[in-house]
């Protein structure tokens, strides 16, 4: 039986809240600032052996054609006696240059990896 878990994490320049297919991101240096995503609309969630991988399309195309996505890796948390657990995660901001206006460069992606720390809490 799956127990709903709420994740609240922070890292350099980014804050993340995730709960049952809802992702809220905020950060000073993120395109468009605070954003909210729901599963299915520009948000995909995949359970892997590394944990839960959540990917959101932050900006489908900038003025020059750059696409920006945010991938978040969260650990699996088992229900237990504790109401809250300390967790770590990772946020990866990807700039994809495949569709830039003047043609793509030799390297098609650029990554900005940010460590996350925070909490996971159950119902």
N, C-alpha and C. Protein backbone atom coordinates (compact mmCIF):
# COMPACT_ATOMS: atom_id res chain seq x y z
N UNK A 1 0.83 -1.17 0.00
CA UNK A 1 0.00 0.00 0.00
C UNK A 1 0.88 1.25 0.00
N UNK A 2 0.60 2.17 -0.87
CA UNK A 2 1.39 3.38 -1.00
C UNK A 2 0.87 4.44 -0.03
N UNK A 3 1.79 5.03 0.71
CA UNK A 3 1.45 6.08 1.66
C UNK A 3 1.83 7.42 1.05
N UNK A 4 0.92 8.41 1.05
CA UNK A 4 1.26 9.70 0.47
C UNK A 4 2.36 10.39 1.29
N UNK A 5 3.40 10.78 0.61
CA UNK A 5 4.54 11.44 1.24
C UNK A 5 4.66 12.86 0.68
N UNK A 6 4.93 13.81 1.54
CA UNK A 6 5.18 15.19 1.12
C UNK A 6 6.66 15.48 1.30
N UNK A 7 7.30 15.92 0.23
CA UNK A 7 8.72 16.27 0.26
C UNK A 7 8.85 17.80 0.24
N UNK A 8 9.66 18.33 1.13
CA UNK A 8 10.01 19.75 1.15
C UNK A 8 11.53 19.82 1.18
N UNK A 9 12.11 20.31 0.08
CA UNK A 9 13.57 20.34 -0.03
C UNK A 9 14.04 21.70 -0.51
N UNK A 10 15.30 22.00 -0.14
CA UNK A 10 15.95 23.25 -0.56
C UNK A 10 17.36 22.95 -1.03
N UNK A 11 17.81 23.78 -1.93
CA UNK A 11 19.18 23.72 -2.40
C UNK A 11 19.60 25.11 -2.83
N UNK A 12 20.79 25.25 -3.36
CA UNK A 12 21.27 26.57 -3.79
C UNK A 12 20.33 27.19 -4.83
N UNK A 13 19.62 28.24 -4.44
CA UNK A 13 18.76 28.97 -5.36
C UNK A 13 17.47 28.27 -5.76
N UNK A 14 17.06 27.21 -5.02
CA UNK A 14 15.86 26.48 -5.41
C UNK A 14 15.15 25.89 -4.19
N UNK A 15 13.82 25.91 -4.24
CA UNK A 15 12.99 25.25 -3.23
C UNK A 15 12.00 24.36 -3.97
N UNK A 16 11.76 23.17 -3.42
CA UNK A 16 10.90 22.20 -4.08
C UNK A 16 9.93 21.60 -3.07
N UNK A 17 8.68 21.48 -3.49
CA UNK A 17 7.67 20.77 -2.71
C UNK A 17 7.00 19.79 -3.66
N UNK A 18 6.92 18.53 -3.26
CA UNK A 18 6.29 17.50 -4.08
C UNK A 18 5.37 16.65 -3.22
N UNK A 19 4.14 16.44 -3.72
CA UNK A 19 3.17 15.60 -3.02
C UNK A 19 2.20 15.01 -4.04
N UNK A 20 2.19 13.70 -4.17
CA UNK A 20 1.25 12.96 -4.99
C UNK A 20 1.00 13.57 -6.37
N UNK A 21 2.04 13.79 -7.12
CA UNK A 21 1.89 14.28 -8.49
C UNK A 21 1.81 15.79 -8.63
N UNK A 22 1.94 16.52 -7.55
CA UNK A 22 1.97 17.98 -7.58
C UNK A 22 3.38 18.45 -7.23
N UNK A 23 3.97 19.25 -8.10
CA UNK A 23 5.31 19.78 -7.89
C UNK A 23 5.25 21.30 -7.91
N UNK A 24 5.80 21.92 -6.87
CA UNK A 24 5.94 23.37 -6.83
C UNK A 24 7.42 23.69 -6.71
N UNK A 25 7.90 24.57 -7.58
CA UNK A 25 9.30 24.98 -7.54
C UNK A 25 9.36 26.49 -7.39
N UNK A 26 10.40 26.96 -6.73
CA UNK A 26 10.61 28.39 -6.56
C UNK A 26 12.10 28.62 -6.47
N UNK A 27 12.53 29.74 -7.03
CA UNK A 27 13.95 30.08 -6.97
C UNK A 27 14.22 31.39 -7.66
N UNK A 28 15.16 32.12 -7.12
CA UNK A 28 15.49 33.44 -7.65
C UNK A 28 16.03 33.39 -9.08
N UNK A 29 16.81 32.37 -9.38
CA UNK A 29 17.45 32.32 -10.69
C UNK A 29 16.81 31.30 -11.63
N UNK A 30 15.57 30.89 -11.34
CA UNK A 30 14.85 29.99 -12.23
C UNK A 30 14.04 30.80 -13.24
N UNK A 31 13.97 30.34 -14.48
CA UNK A 31 13.13 31.05 -15.45
C UNK A 31 11.68 31.05 -14.97
N UNK A 32 11.02 32.16 -15.06
CA UNK A 32 9.62 32.32 -14.70
C UNK A 32 9.36 32.21 -13.20
N UNK A 33 10.39 32.12 -12.36
CA UNK A 33 10.22 32.10 -10.91
C UNK A 33 9.40 30.93 -10.39
N UNK A 34 8.44 31.22 -9.51
CA UNK A 34 7.62 30.17 -8.88
C UNK A 34 6.68 29.55 -9.92
N UNK A 35 6.66 28.20 -9.95
CA UNK A 35 5.80 27.48 -10.87
C UNK A 35 5.20 26.26 -10.18
N UNK A 36 4.02 25.87 -10.64
CA UNK A 36 3.34 24.69 -10.12
C UNK A 36 3.01 23.77 -11.28
N UNK A 37 3.25 22.47 -11.09
CA UNK A 37 2.99 21.47 -12.13
C UNK A 37 2.17 20.33 -11.54
N UNK A 38 1.34 19.73 -12.38
CA UNK A 38 0.58 18.55 -11.98
C UNK A 38 0.93 17.41 -12.93
N UNK A 39 0.91 16.19 -12.40
CA UNK A 39 1.23 15.02 -13.21
C UNK A 39 0.41 15.03 -14.51
N UNK A 40 1.09 14.80 -15.61
CA UNK A 40 0.42 14.73 -16.90
C UNK A 40 0.52 16.00 -17.71
N UNK A 41 0.60 17.16 -17.07
CA UNK A 41 0.74 18.41 -17.81
C UNK A 41 2.16 18.94 -17.63
N UNK A 42 3.01 18.66 -18.57
CA UNK A 42 4.41 19.08 -18.54
C UNK A 42 5.16 18.52 -17.34
N UNK A 43 4.66 17.40 -16.77
CA UNK A 43 5.31 16.77 -15.62
C UNK A 43 5.21 15.26 -15.77
N UNK A 44 6.36 14.60 -15.65
CA UNK A 44 6.37 13.13 -15.66
C UNK A 44 7.03 12.63 -14.39
N UNK A 45 6.51 11.53 -13.88
CA UNK A 45 7.03 10.92 -12.66
C UNK A 45 7.31 9.45 -12.94
N UNK A 46 8.54 9.01 -12.63
CA UNK A 46 8.94 7.63 -12.88
C UNK A 46 9.62 7.08 -11.63
N UNK A 47 9.17 5.90 -11.19
CA UNK A 47 9.83 5.22 -10.07
C UNK A 47 10.99 4.41 -10.63
N UNK A 48 12.18 4.62 -10.09
CA UNK A 48 13.37 3.90 -10.52
C UNK A 48 14.03 3.27 -9.30
N UNK A 49 15.08 2.49 -9.53
CA UNK A 49 15.83 1.93 -8.41
C UNK A 49 16.56 3.00 -7.61
N UNK A 50 16.83 4.15 -8.23
CA UNK A 50 17.50 5.25 -7.54
C UNK A 50 16.52 6.07 -6.70
N UNK A 51 15.23 5.92 -6.93
CA UNK A 51 14.21 6.71 -6.26
C UNK A 51 13.18 7.17 -7.27
N UNK A 52 12.48 8.23 -6.94
CA UNK A 52 11.47 8.79 -7.84
C UNK A 52 12.10 9.92 -8.64
N UNK A 53 11.99 9.81 -9.97
CA UNK A 53 12.50 10.86 -10.86
C UNK A 53 11.32 11.65 -11.40
N UNK A 54 11.32 12.94 -11.14
CA UNK A 54 10.25 13.83 -11.56
C UNK A 54 10.86 14.83 -12.53
N UNK A 55 10.25 14.97 -13.71
CA UNK A 55 10.76 15.91 -14.70
C UNK A 55 9.65 16.85 -15.13
N UNK A 56 9.93 18.15 -15.08
CA UNK A 56 8.97 19.18 -15.46
C UNK A 56 9.57 20.04 -16.57
N UNK A 57 8.74 20.42 -17.53
CA UNK A 57 9.16 21.36 -18.56
C UNK A 57 8.94 22.76 -17.99
N UNK A 58 10.03 23.41 -17.62
CA UNK A 58 9.98 24.73 -17.00
C UNK A 58 9.71 25.80 -18.06
N UNK A 59 10.35 25.66 -19.21
CA UNK A 59 10.16 26.60 -20.32
C UNK A 59 10.28 25.81 -21.61
N UNK A 60 9.19 25.72 -22.37
CA UNK A 60 9.21 24.88 -23.58
C UNK A 60 10.10 25.47 -24.67
N UNK A 61 10.21 26.79 -24.71
CA UNK A 61 11.10 27.41 -25.70
C UNK A 61 11.35 28.86 -25.31
N UNK A 62 12.62 29.21 -25.16
CA UNK A 62 12.97 30.60 -24.90
C UNK A 62 12.95 31.35 -26.22
N UNK A 63 13.29 32.60 -26.20
CA UNK A 63 13.29 33.40 -27.44
C UNK A 63 14.23 32.84 -28.50
N UNK A 64 15.31 32.20 -28.05
CA UNK A 64 16.25 31.65 -29.03
C UNK A 64 16.01 30.17 -29.30
N UNK A 65 14.96 29.58 -28.69
CA UNK A 65 14.63 28.18 -28.95
C UNK A 65 15.17 27.19 -27.93
N UNK A 66 15.75 27.69 -26.83
CA UNK A 66 16.27 26.81 -25.79
C UNK A 66 15.12 26.29 -24.92
N UNK A 67 15.09 24.98 -24.71
CA UNK A 67 14.10 24.35 -23.84
C UNK A 67 14.75 24.13 -22.48
N UNK A 68 14.00 24.41 -21.39
CA UNK A 68 14.55 24.23 -20.05
C UNK A 68 13.66 23.26 -19.28
N UNK A 69 14.29 22.21 -18.74
CA UNK A 69 13.57 21.24 -17.93
C UNK A 69 14.22 21.16 -16.55
N UNK A 70 13.43 20.68 -15.59
CA UNK A 70 13.93 20.45 -14.24
C UNK A 70 13.65 19.00 -13.91
N UNK A 71 14.70 18.25 -13.56
CA UNK A 71 14.54 16.88 -13.10
C UNK A 71 14.92 16.84 -11.63
N UNK A 72 14.07 16.17 -10.84
CA UNK A 72 14.30 16.07 -9.40
C UNK A 72 14.36 14.59 -9.06
N UNK A 73 15.36 14.20 -8.30
CA UNK A 73 15.49 12.83 -7.83
C UNK A 73 15.22 12.81 -6.33
N UNK A 74 14.19 12.04 -5.94
CA UNK A 74 13.79 11.94 -4.54
C UNK A 74 13.91 10.51 -4.07
N UNK A 75 14.33 10.30 -2.83
CA UNK A 75 14.45 8.93 -2.31
C UNK A 75 13.07 8.36 -1.96
N UNK A 76 12.99 7.05 -2.03
CA UNK A 76 11.79 6.36 -1.58
C UNK A 76 11.78 6.37 -0.06
N UNK A 77 10.64 6.65 0.53
CA UNK A 77 10.52 6.69 1.99
C UNK A 77 9.46 5.68 2.40
N UNK A 78 9.84 4.77 3.29
CA UNK A 78 8.92 3.76 3.78
C UNK A 78 8.16 4.31 4.99
N UNK A 79 6.88 3.93 5.10
CA UNK A 79 6.14 4.38 6.28
C UNK A 79 6.75 3.78 7.54
N UNK A 80 6.76 4.54 8.58
CA UNK A 80 7.35 4.05 9.83
C UNK A 80 6.75 4.78 11.02
N UNK A 81 7.43 4.69 12.14
CA UNK A 81 6.94 5.32 13.36
C UNK A 81 7.14 6.83 13.36
N UNK A 82 8.12 7.30 12.59
CA UNK A 82 8.43 8.72 12.58
C UNK A 82 7.53 9.46 11.60
N UNK A 83 7.04 10.61 12.00
CA UNK A 83 6.16 11.40 11.14
C UNK A 83 6.95 12.13 10.06
N UNK A 84 8.26 12.38 10.33
CA UNK A 84 9.08 13.12 9.39
C UNK A 84 10.47 12.53 9.33
N UNK A 85 11.04 12.48 8.13
CA UNK A 85 12.40 11.96 7.95
C UNK A 85 13.23 12.99 7.21
N UNK A 86 14.51 13.10 7.58
CA UNK A 86 15.43 13.94 6.83
C UNK A 86 15.82 13.20 5.55
N UNK A 87 15.83 13.93 4.43
CA UNK A 87 16.17 13.32 3.14
C UNK A 87 17.10 14.24 2.35
N UNK A 88 17.77 13.63 1.40
CA UNK A 88 18.55 14.38 0.42
C UNK A 88 18.00 14.05 -0.95
N UNK A 89 18.30 14.88 -1.90
CA UNK A 89 17.87 14.66 -3.28
C UNK A 89 18.76 15.46 -4.20
N UNK A 90 18.36 15.53 -5.45
CA UNK A 90 19.12 16.30 -6.43
C UNK A 90 18.16 16.96 -7.41
N UNK A 91 18.50 18.18 -7.80
CA UNK A 91 17.77 18.89 -8.84
C UNK A 91 18.72 19.11 -10.00
N UNK A 92 18.26 18.81 -11.19
CA UNK A 92 19.08 19.00 -12.40
C UNK A 92 18.30 19.90 -13.35
N UNK A 93 18.83 21.09 -13.58
CA UNK A 93 18.24 22.01 -14.54
C UNK A 93 18.96 21.77 -15.86
N UNK A 94 18.21 21.39 -16.88
CA UNK A 94 18.79 21.07 -18.18
C UNK A 94 18.37 22.11 -19.20
N UNK A 95 19.35 22.66 -19.89
CA UNK A 95 19.08 23.54 -21.02
C UNK A 95 19.36 22.73 -22.28
N UNK A 96 18.34 22.60 -23.12
CA UNK A 96 18.45 21.79 -24.33
C UNK A 96 18.48 22.71 -25.54
N UNK A 97 19.52 22.57 -26.35
CA UNK A 97 19.78 23.48 -27.46
C UNK A 97 19.47 22.89 -28.83
N UNK A 98 18.75 21.80 -28.88
CA UNK A 98 18.45 21.10 -30.14
C UNK A 98 17.72 22.00 -31.14
N UNK A 99 16.86 22.90 -30.67
CA UNK A 99 16.01 23.70 -31.56
C UNK A 99 16.34 25.19 -31.55
N UNK A 100 17.57 25.57 -31.21
CA UNK A 100 17.90 27.00 -31.21
C UNK A 100 17.81 27.57 -32.61
N UNK A 101 17.51 28.85 -32.69
CA UNK A 101 17.20 29.50 -33.97
C UNK A 101 18.32 29.45 -34.99
N UNK A 102 19.53 29.65 -34.58
CA UNK A 102 20.66 29.66 -35.52
C UNK A 102 21.24 28.28 -35.76
N UNK A 103 20.53 27.25 -35.35
CA UNK A 103 21.02 25.87 -35.49
C UNK A 103 21.67 25.41 -34.20
N UNK A 104 21.61 24.12 -33.95
CA UNK A 104 22.13 23.59 -32.70
C UNK A 104 23.66 23.63 -32.64
N UNK A 105 24.20 23.83 -31.42
CA UNK A 105 25.66 23.75 -31.25
C UNK A 105 26.09 22.29 -31.22
N UNK A 106 27.38 22.06 -31.10
CA UNK A 106 27.91 20.69 -31.04
C UNK A 106 27.42 19.94 -29.80
N UNK A 107 27.32 20.63 -28.68
CA UNK A 107 26.85 20.03 -27.43
C UNK A 107 25.39 20.46 -27.24
N UNK A 108 24.49 19.47 -27.14
CA UNK A 108 23.05 19.78 -27.17
C UNK A 108 22.41 20.01 -25.81
N UNK A 109 23.09 19.65 -24.73
CA UNK A 109 22.55 19.88 -23.39
C UNK A 109 23.60 20.50 -22.48
N UNK A 110 23.10 21.27 -21.52
CA UNK A 110 23.93 21.86 -20.47
C UNK A 110 23.22 21.59 -19.15
N UNK A 111 23.95 21.12 -18.13
CA UNK A 111 23.35 20.72 -16.87
C UNK A 111 23.80 21.62 -15.73
N UNK A 112 22.86 21.95 -14.87
CA UNK A 112 23.13 22.67 -13.63
C UNK A 112 22.60 21.77 -12.51
N UNK A 113 23.51 21.09 -11.80
CA UNK A 113 23.13 20.11 -10.79
C UNK A 113 23.20 20.76 -9.41
N UNK A 114 22.10 20.64 -8.65
CA UNK A 114 22.03 21.26 -7.34
C UNK A 114 21.64 20.21 -6.28
N UNK A 115 22.43 20.08 -5.24
CA UNK A 115 22.07 19.14 -4.15
C UNK A 115 20.88 19.70 -3.36
N UNK A 116 20.04 18.81 -2.88
CA UNK A 116 18.87 19.19 -2.10
C UNK A 116 18.89 18.51 -0.73
N UNK A 117 18.42 19.21 0.28
CA UNK A 117 18.22 18.62 1.61
C UNK A 117 16.87 19.09 2.12
N UNK A 118 16.29 18.28 2.97
CA UNK A 118 15.00 18.67 3.54
C UNK A 118 14.33 17.53 4.25
N UNK A 119 13.00 17.48 4.12
CA UNK A 119 12.24 16.48 4.86
C UNK A 119 11.20 15.81 3.98
N UNK A 120 10.83 14.61 4.42
CA UNK A 120 9.73 13.85 3.83
C UNK A 120 8.81 13.49 4.99
N UNK A 121 7.54 13.79 4.82
CA UNK A 121 6.60 13.51 5.91
C UNK A 121 5.38 12.79 5.38
N UNK A 122 4.84 11.93 6.22
CA UNK A 122 3.67 11.14 5.87
C UNK A 122 2.41 11.86 6.27
N UNK A 123 1.30 11.14 6.16
CA UNK A 123 -0.01 11.75 6.44
C UNK A 123 -0.18 12.17 7.89
